[in-house]
Amino acid sequence: MTQLQSYTSRRRGRLFPDYIIPPEELAKRKSEREARGKRCRAVLERVRPHLIETHYNWFIIIEPNSGDYFLDPDEQVAMQKARQKYPKGWMVIFRLNKTGTCGKI
């Protein structure tokens, strides 16, 4: 005679239920990200008129604290250039065109 085994299904949920980011920390991260974006956008607006004529549609990677930027037509090469100088820095990527966006939305 065969016995039926009962299988209990595992509960689905968060992968790490003990690790929950508090809302205050999420708000802080969002404000820091927005401030970093504003600093980089200001650098982009400053250098875009000079660079758009000769480097149209190239990628520009901006380091917000120093204002340094790195140009290349290939995104990966531009990122490598930026990572050589700032290995752990936060960077923002734009495209040298009228809108500054990288790709289609």
N, C-alpha and C. Protein backbone atom coordinates (compact mmCIF):
# COMPACT_ATOMS: atom_id res chain seq x y z
N MET A 1 0.82 -1.17 0.00
CA MET A 1 0.00 0.00 0.00
C MET A 1 0.88 1.24 0.00
N THR A 2 0.55 2.16 -0.81
CA THR A 2 1.32 3.39 -0.90
C THR A 2 0.74 4.46 0.00
N GLN A 3 1.63 5.19 0.59
CA GLN A 3 1.20 6.29 1.44
C GLN A 3 1.33 7.59 0.66
N LEU A 4 0.39 8.42 0.85
CA LEU A 4 0.44 9.73 0.23
C LEU A 4 1.24 10.67 1.12
N GLN A 5 2.14 11.36 0.51
CA GLN A 5 2.92 12.33 1.28
C GLN A 5 2.32 13.71 1.07
N SER A 6 2.22 14.42 2.11
CA SER A 6 1.71 15.78 1.98
C SER A 6 2.89 16.74 1.89
N TYR A 7 2.86 17.54 0.87
CA TYR A 7 3.91 18.54 0.68
C TYR A 7 3.36 19.90 1.09
N THR A 8 4.09 20.56 1.90
CA THR A 8 3.69 21.92 2.26
C THR A 8 4.40 22.88 1.32
N SER A 9 3.65 23.78 0.80
CA SER A 9 4.26 24.75 -0.12
C SER A 9 4.99 25.81 0.69
N ARG A 10 6.08 26.27 0.13
CA ARG A 10 6.86 27.30 0.82
C ARG A 10 6.18 28.64 0.64
N ARG A 11 6.27 29.43 1.68
CA ARG A 11 5.68 30.76 1.61
C ARG A 11 6.53 31.64 0.70
N ARG A 12 5.87 32.35 -0.14
CA ARG A 12 6.58 33.28 -1.01
C ARG A 12 6.60 34.65 -0.35
N GLY A 13 7.68 35.35 -0.54
CA GLY A 13 7.78 36.68 0.05
C GLY A 13 9.14 37.27 -0.25
N ARG A 14 9.58 38.15 0.58
CA ARG A 14 10.87 38.81 0.39
C ARG A 14 12.00 37.82 0.54
N LEU A 15 13.06 38.04 -0.21
CA LEU A 15 14.23 37.18 -0.09
C LEU A 15 14.91 37.35 1.26
N PHE A 16 15.01 38.59 1.69
CA PHE A 16 15.65 38.89 2.96
C PHE A 16 14.67 39.69 3.82
N PRO A 17 13.75 39.02 4.50
CA PRO A 17 12.73 39.77 5.25
C PRO A 17 13.29 40.56 6.42
N ASP A 18 14.47 40.20 6.91
CA ASP A 18 15.05 40.95 8.03
C ASP A 18 15.69 42.25 7.58
N TYR A 19 15.98 42.37 6.29
CA TYR A 19 16.66 43.56 5.79
C TYR A 19 15.63 44.45 5.10
N ILE A 20 15.13 45.41 5.81
CA ILE A 20 14.17 46.37 5.27
C ILE A 20 14.76 47.76 5.47
N ILE A 21 14.81 48.52 4.40
CA ILE A 21 15.36 49.87 4.46
C ILE A 21 14.28 50.80 4.99
N PRO A 22 14.58 51.55 6.03
CA PRO A 22 13.58 52.47 6.58
C PRO A 22 13.24 53.59 5.59
N PRO A 23 12.03 54.11 5.65
CA PRO A 23 11.61 55.17 4.72
C PRO A 23 12.48 56.42 4.79
N GLU A 24 13.02 56.72 5.98
CA GLU A 24 13.88 57.90 6.11
C GLU A 24 15.16 57.73 5.28
N GLU A 25 15.70 56.51 5.30
CA GLU A 25 16.91 56.23 4.53
C GLU A 25 16.62 56.29 3.03
N LEU A 26 15.47 55.78 2.62
CA LEU A 26 15.09 55.86 1.21
C LEU A 26 14.93 57.31 0.76
N ALA A 27 14.33 58.15 1.60
CA ALA A 27 14.15 59.57 1.27
C ALA A 27 15.50 60.26 1.19
N LYS A 28 16.42 59.92 2.08
CA LYS A 28 17.76 60.51 2.06
C LYS A 28 18.49 60.13 0.78
N ARG A 29 18.41 58.86 0.40
CA ARG A 29 19.08 58.41 -0.83
C ARG A 29 18.50 59.10 -2.05
N LYS A 30 17.18 59.27 -2.07
CA LYS A 30 16.54 59.94 -3.21
C LYS A 30 16.98 61.39 -3.32
N SER A 31 17.06 62.09 -2.19
CA SER A 31 17.47 63.50 -2.23
C SER A 31 18.94 63.63 -2.66
N GLU A 32 19.79 62.71 -2.20
CA GLU A 32 21.19 62.73 -2.63
C GLU A 32 21.31 62.46 -4.13
N ARG A 33 20.52 61.53 -4.63
CA ARG A 33 20.54 61.21 -6.06
C ARG A 33 20.08 62.40 -6.90
N GLU A 34 19.03 63.09 -6.43
CA GLU A 34 18.54 64.26 -7.15
C GLU A 34 19.55 65.40 -7.13
N ALA A 35 20.22 65.60 -5.99
CA ALA A 35 21.23 66.66 -5.90
C ALA A 35 22.41 66.35 -6.82
N ARG A 36 22.81 65.09 -6.87
CA ARG A 36 23.91 64.68 -7.75
C ARG A 36 23.51 64.91 -9.21
N GLY A 37 22.27 64.59 -9.55
CA GLY A 37 21.79 64.81 -10.91
C GLY A 37 21.76 66.28 -11.29
N LYS A 38 21.37 67.14 -10.34
CA LYS A 38 21.34 68.59 -10.62
C LYS A 38 22.74 69.14 -10.86
N ARG A 39 23.71 68.68 -10.05
CA ARG A 39 25.09 69.15 -10.24
C ARG A 39 25.62 68.72 -11.60
N CYS A 40 25.33 67.49 -11.98
CA CYS A 40 25.81 66.99 -13.28
C CYS A 40 25.09 67.67 -14.43
N ARG A 41 23.81 67.93 -14.28
CA ARG A 41 23.05 68.62 -15.33
C ARG A 41 23.60 70.03 -15.53
N ALA A 42 24.02 70.69 -14.45
CA ALA A 42 24.61 72.03 -14.58
C ALA A 42 25.92 71.98 -15.37
N VAL A 43 26.74 70.97 -15.11
CA VAL A 43 27.99 70.81 -15.87
C VAL A 43 27.68 70.54 -17.33
N LEU A 44 26.68 69.69 -17.59
CA LEU A 44 26.30 69.38 -18.97
C LEU A 44 25.84 70.63 -19.71
N GLU A 45 25.00 71.42 -19.07
CA GLU A 45 24.50 72.65 -19.72
C GLU A 45 25.63 73.63 -19.98
N ARG A 46 26.66 73.62 -19.15
CA ARG A 46 27.79 74.53 -19.33
C ARG A 46 28.66 74.12 -20.52
N VAL A 47 28.91 72.81 -20.69
CA VAL A 47 29.86 72.37 -21.72
C VAL A 47 29.18 71.92 -23.01
N ARG A 48 27.87 71.70 -23.00
CA ARG A 48 27.18 71.20 -24.19
C ARG A 48 27.33 72.10 -25.42
N PRO A 49 27.16 73.42 -25.31
CA PRO A 49 27.26 74.24 -26.52
C PRO A 49 28.62 74.14 -27.21
N HIS A 50 29.68 73.94 -26.45
CA HIS A 50 31.02 73.87 -27.03
C HIS A 50 31.29 72.50 -27.66
N LEU A 51 30.75 71.45 -27.06
CA LEU A 51 31.08 70.09 -27.49
C LEU A 51 30.11 69.49 -28.49
N ILE A 52 28.89 70.01 -28.57
CA ILE A 52 27.88 69.37 -29.40
C ILE A 52 28.21 69.47 -30.89
N GLU A 53 28.94 70.50 -31.28
CA GLU A 53 29.28 70.67 -32.69
C GLU A 53 30.26 69.62 -33.18
N THR A 54 31.24 69.29 -32.34
CA THR A 54 32.28 68.35 -32.77
C THR A 54 32.06 66.92 -32.27
N HIS A 55 31.25 66.73 -31.23
CA HIS A 55 31.06 65.41 -30.64
C HIS A 55 29.57 65.07 -30.53
N TYR A 56 28.80 65.33 -31.56
CA TYR A 56 27.36 65.10 -31.50
C TYR A 56 27.05 63.62 -31.29
N ASN A 57 26.16 63.34 -30.35
CA ASN A 57 25.69 62.00 -29.98
C ASN A 57 26.75 61.14 -29.31
N TRP A 58 27.82 61.72 -28.83
CA TRP A 58 28.81 60.99 -28.03
C TRP A 58 28.29 60.89 -26.61
N PHE A 59 28.83 59.96 -25.87
CA PHE A 59 28.50 59.83 -24.45
C PHE A 59 29.40 60.73 -23.63
N ILE A 60 28.82 61.36 -22.63
CA ILE A 60 29.59 62.18 -21.70
C ILE A 60 29.27 61.67 -20.29
N ILE A 61 30.30 61.32 -19.57
CA ILE A 61 30.15 60.85 -18.20
C ILE A 61 30.73 61.92 -17.29
N ILE A 62 29.91 62.36 -16.34
CA ILE A 62 30.28 63.49 -15.49
C ILE A 62 30.41 63.02 -14.05
N GLU A 63 31.50 63.42 -13.42
CA GLU A 63 31.69 63.18 -11.99
C GLU A 63 31.21 64.44 -11.28
N PRO A 64 30.17 64.35 -10.45
CA PRO A 64 29.52 65.56 -9.93
C PRO A 64 30.33 66.38 -8.94
N ASN A 65 31.20 65.76 -8.15
CA ASN A 65 31.92 66.51 -7.13
C ASN A 65 33.01 67.40 -7.73
N SER A 66 33.70 66.91 -8.74
CA SER A 66 34.79 67.69 -9.32
C SER A 66 34.37 68.42 -10.59
N GLY A 67 33.33 67.94 -11.26
CA GLY A 67 32.93 68.53 -12.52
C GLY A 67 33.70 67.99 -13.71
N ASP A 68 34.56 67.00 -13.50
CA ASP A 68 35.30 66.39 -14.61
C ASP A 68 34.34 65.59 -15.48
N TYR A 69 34.64 65.57 -16.78
CA TYR A 69 33.81 64.78 -17.68
C TYR A 69 34.69 64.01 -18.65
N PHE A 70 34.12 62.93 -19.17
CA PHE A 70 34.84 62.02 -20.05
C PHE A 70 33.97 61.77 -21.28
N LEU A 71 34.57 61.86 -22.46
CA LEU A 71 33.84 61.74 -23.72
C LEU A 71 34.31 60.54 -24.51
N ASP A 72 33.37 59.88 -25.19
CA ASP A 72 33.70 58.83 -26.13
C ASP A 72 32.43 58.45 -26.88
N PRO A 73 32.54 58.02 -28.13
CA PRO A 73 31.34 57.58 -28.85
C PRO A 73 30.80 56.25 -28.32
N ASP A 74 31.65 55.47 -27.64
CA ASP A 74 31.23 54.20 -27.06
C ASP A 74 31.05 54.36 -25.56
N GLU A 75 29.90 53.97 -25.06
CA GLU A 75 29.58 54.15 -23.64
C GLU A 75 30.54 53.38 -22.73
N GLN A 76 30.89 52.17 -23.11
CA GLN A 76 31.77 51.35 -22.27
C GLN A 76 33.17 51.94 -22.18
N VAL A 77 33.68 52.46 -23.28
CA VAL A 77 35.01 53.07 -23.27
C VAL A 77 35.01 54.33 -22.42
N ALA A 78 33.95 55.11 -22.53
CA ALA A 78 33.85 56.32 -21.71
C ALA A 78 33.80 55.96 -20.22
N MET A 79 33.08 54.90 -19.90
CA MET A 79 33.00 54.47 -18.49
C MET A 79 34.35 53.97 -18.00
N GLN A 80 35.10 53.28 -18.85
CA GLN A 80 36.44 52.83 -18.45
C GLN A 80 37.35 54.02 -18.17
N LYS A 81 37.26 55.05 -19.00
CA LYS A 81 38.07 56.25 -18.77
C LYS A 81 37.72 56.89 -17.42
N ALA A 82 36.43 56.96 -17.15
CA ALA A 82 35.98 57.58 -15.90
C ALA A 82 36.40 56.74 -14.69
N ARG A 83 36.29 55.43 -14.80
CA ARG A 83 36.65 54.54 -13.69
C ARG A 83 38.15 54.50 -13.42
N GLN A 84 38.97 54.81 -14.42
CA GLN A 84 40.41 54.88 -14.18
C GLN A 84 40.74 56.02 -13.22
N LYS A 85 40.06 57.14 -13.39
CA LYS A 85 40.36 58.29 -12.55
C LYS A 85 39.56 58.26 -11.24
N TYR A 86 38.30 57.82 -11.30
CA TYR A 86 37.43 57.78 -10.12
C TYR A 86 36.88 56.36 -9.97
N PRO A 87 37.66 55.44 -9.38
CA PRO A 87 37.21 54.04 -9.32
C PRO A 87 35.97 53.81 -8.45
N LYS A 88 35.75 54.63 -7.44
CA LYS A 88 34.59 54.41 -6.57
C LYS A 88 33.62 55.58 -6.58
N GLY A 89 33.75 56.47 -7.53
CA GLY A 89 32.89 57.65 -7.55
C GLY A 89 31.55 57.40 -8.20
N TRP A 90 30.57 58.23 -7.86
CA TRP A 90 29.27 58.20 -8.51
C TRP A 90 29.35 59.02 -9.77
N MET A 91 28.89 58.49 -10.88
CA MET A 91 28.93 59.18 -12.15
C MET A 91 27.52 59.23 -12.75
N VAL A 92 27.34 60.18 -13.64
CA VAL A 92 26.07 60.31 -14.36
C VAL A 92 26.40 60.33 -15.84
N ILE A 93 25.63 59.57 -16.61
CA ILE A 93 25.86 59.44 -18.05
C ILE A 93 24.81 60.25 -18.80
N PHE A 94 25.28 61.05 -19.76
CA PHE A 94 24.41 61.79 -20.65
C PHE A 94 24.87 61.52 -22.08
N ARG A 95 24.09 62.02 -23.02
CA ARG A 95 24.46 61.97 -24.42
C ARG A 95 24.52 63.40 -24.93
N LEU A 96 25.51 63.72 -25.73
CA LEU A 96 25.65 65.08 -26.26
C LEU A 96 24.70 65.26 -27.44
N ASN A 97 23.45 65.54 -27.12
CA ASN A 97 22.45 65.87 -28.12
C ASN A 97 21.55 66.95 -27.52
N LYS A 98 20.43 67.23 -28.16
CA LYS A 98 19.59 68.32 -27.68
C LYS A 98 18.97 68.05 -26.33
N THR A 99 18.65 66.79 -26.04
CA THR A 99 17.98 66.46 -24.78
C THR A 99 18.91 65.92 -23.71
N GLY A 100 20.01 65.30 -24.10
CA GLY A 100 20.93 64.73 -23.14
C GLY A 100 20.58 63.30 -22.75
N THR A 101 19.54 62.74 -23.35
CA THR A 101 19.11 61.38 -22.99
C THR A 101 19.92 60.34 -23.75
N CYS A 102 20.03 59.17 -23.13
CA CYS A 102 20.74 58.03 -23.72
C CYS A 102 19.71 56.98 -24.12
N GLY A 103 19.25 56.99 -25.34
CA GLY A 103 18.31 55.97 -25.78
C GLY A 103 16.89 56.49 -25.82
N LYS A 104 15.98 55.56 -26.08
CA LYS A 104 14.56 55.92 -26.22
C LYS A 104 13.82 55.63 -24.93
N ILE A 105 12.83 56.44 -24.65
CA ILE A 105 12.00 56.24 -23.47
C ILE A 105 10.64 55.77 -23.91
